[in-house]
Amino acid sequence: METLPEEFLLGVELFNDGKFFECHEAWEAVWLKATGVEREFLHAMIQAAAALHHAQRDNWKGATSVGNRAIGKLATMPPVMMQISTTKFRWSLERFLATSGALLPRVNLPGEDL
């Protein structure tokens, strides 16, 4: 199993704690060093965090716009990136943006309780 960068793991923790702005900052540090499909994946995750930050601030137009860009990128990804199921994460983001009262998406790593 691949070793994930410390900043990425910090971003996962921040994301799951609902600290989406801080998560964005942590993941950006990893994204700046990444290349190829990993860089595109990180960009999609950063966009997802930004969308949820907009949603927290009741900016649903911004949340939907940025969220849909993240969803589009995630749809082109391999099924698993950096130990995350891109498909399950994309579905949870889609559900959140489409359904009033839906649970916030979570980033689940292997071995974590869902």
Protein backbone atom coordinates (compact mmCIF):
# COMPACT_ATOMS: atom_id res chain seq x y z
CA MET A 1 0.00 0.00 0.00
CA GLU A 2 1.35 3.42 -0.93
CA THR A 3 2.52 5.80 1.76
CA LEU A 4 0.50 9.00 1.69
CA PRO A 5 2.07 12.42 2.30
CA GLU A 6 1.58 13.79 5.80
CA GLU A 7 -0.06 16.96 4.42
CA PHE A 8 -2.56 14.83 2.51
CA LEU A 9 -3.49 12.88 5.66
CA LEU A 10 -3.85 16.16 7.56
CA GLY A 11 -6.17 17.36 4.78
CA VAL A 12 -8.29 14.21 5.12
CA GLU A 13 -8.62 14.80 8.87
CA LEU A 14 -9.54 18.46 8.33
CA PHE A 15 -12.03 17.54 5.59
CA ASN A 16 -13.77 14.99 7.80
CA ASP A 17 -13.89 17.56 10.63
CA GLY A 18 -15.71 19.99 8.31
CA LYS A 19 -12.73 22.37 8.15
CA PHE A 20 -12.85 22.68 4.38
CA PHE A 21 -10.86 25.90 3.98
CA GLU A 22 -8.00 24.50 6.09
CA CYS A 23 -8.22 21.20 4.21
CA HIS A 24 -7.87 23.06 0.92
CA GLU A 25 -4.67 24.67 2.19
CA ALA A 26 -3.17 21.33 3.31
CA TRP A 27 -4.00 19.59 0.03
CA GLU A 28 -2.69 22.50 -2.01
CA ALA A 29 0.78 21.90 -0.52
CA VAL A 30 0.67 18.33 -1.89
CA TRP A 31 -0.90 19.39 -5.22
CA LEU A 32 1.91 21.86 -5.93
CA LYS A 33 4.44 18.98 -5.92
CA ALA A 34 2.25 16.42 -7.73
CA THR A 35 2.27 15.49 -11.42
CA GLY A 36 0.02 13.68 -13.86
CA VAL A 37 -3.21 12.03 -12.78
CA GLU A 38 -2.34 12.47 -9.09
CA ARG A 39 -2.21 16.23 -9.65
CA GLU A 40 -5.62 16.16 -11.37
CA PHE A 41 -7.06 14.06 -8.54
CA LEU A 42 -5.76 16.47 -5.91
CA HIS A 43 -7.20 19.38 -7.88
CA ALA A 44 -10.61 17.67 -7.87
CA MET A 45 -10.39 17.07 -4.12
CA ILE A 46 -9.40 20.71 -3.53
CA GLN A 47 -12.39 21.78 -5.62
CA ALA A 48 -14.65 19.48 -3.56
CA ALA A 49 -13.36 21.09 -0.35
CA ALA A 50 -13.93 24.56 -1.82
CA ALA A 51 -17.48 23.59 -2.84
CA LEU A 52 -18.27 22.42 0.68
CA HIS A 53 -16.75 25.60 2.13
CA HIS A 54 -19.15 27.57 -0.10
CA ALA A 55 -22.04 25.38 1.11
CA GLN A 56 -21.13 26.07 4.75
CA ARG A 57 -21.43 29.77 3.97
CA ASP A 58 -24.83 29.24 2.25
CA ASN A 59 -23.36 30.10 -1.15
CA TRP A 60 -25.13 27.31 -3.03
CA LYS A 61 -24.44 28.82 -6.44
CA GLY A 62 -20.68 28.70 -5.74
CA ALA A 63 -20.97 25.26 -4.11
CA THR A 64 -22.77 23.82 -7.12
CA SER A 65 -20.47 25.43 -9.67
CA VAL A 66 -17.20 24.34 -8.07
CA GLY A 67 -18.68 21.02 -6.93
CA ASN A 68 -19.78 20.11 -10.44
CA ARG A 69 -16.26 20.78 -11.73
CA ALA A 70 -14.88 18.47 -9.05
CA ILE A 71 -17.45 15.80 -9.95
CA GLY A 72 -16.49 16.03 -13.62
CA LYS A 73 -12.81 15.57 -12.83
CA LEU A 74 -13.48 12.70 -10.41
CA ALA A 75 -15.51 10.92 -13.11
CA THR A 76 -12.35 10.68 -15.25
CA MET A 77 -10.18 9.24 -12.45
CA PRO A 78 -9.19 5.62 -11.88
CA PRO A 79 -11.47 3.90 -9.33
CA VAL A 80 -8.94 4.41 -6.51
CA MET A 81 -6.51 7.29 -6.08
CA MET A 82 -4.32 7.79 -3.03
CA GLN A 83 -6.26 4.97 -1.32
CA ILE A 84 -9.61 6.75 -1.82
CA SER A 85 -12.49 5.35 -3.84
CA THR A 86 -13.01 8.13 -6.34
CA THR A 87 -16.38 6.67 -7.34
CA LYS A 88 -17.81 6.53 -3.80
CA PHE A 89 -16.50 9.99 -2.99
CA ARG A 90 -17.94 11.41 -6.22
CA TRP A 91 -21.33 9.84 -5.48
CA SER A 92 -21.38 11.30 -1.98
CA LEU A 93 -20.52 14.76 -3.33
CA GLU A 94 -23.22 14.47 -6.01
CA ARG A 95 -25.79 13.38 -3.41
CA PHE A 96 -24.86 16.25 -1.09
CA LEU A 97 -25.19 18.88 -3.82
CA ALA A 98 -28.46 17.43 -5.16
CA THR A 99 -30.30 16.60 -1.94
CA SER A 100 -31.32 19.07 0.71
CA GLY A 101 -30.28 17.75 4.09
CA ALA A 102 -27.88 15.12 2.71
CA LEU A 103 -24.91 14.21 4.86
CA LEU A 104 -21.61 15.92 4.14
CA PRO A 105 -19.26 13.75 2.10
CA ARG A 106 -16.42 12.05 3.99
CA VAL A 107 -13.02 10.93 2.79
CA ASN A 108 -12.65 7.28 3.81
CA LEU A 109 -9.26 5.61 3.84
CA PRO A 110 -8.91 1.81 4.03
CA GLY A 111 -9.49 0.46 7.51
CA GLU A 112 -11.66 3.37 8.63
CA ASP A 113 -15.19 2.83 9.84
CA LEU A 114 -17.72 4.21 7.37
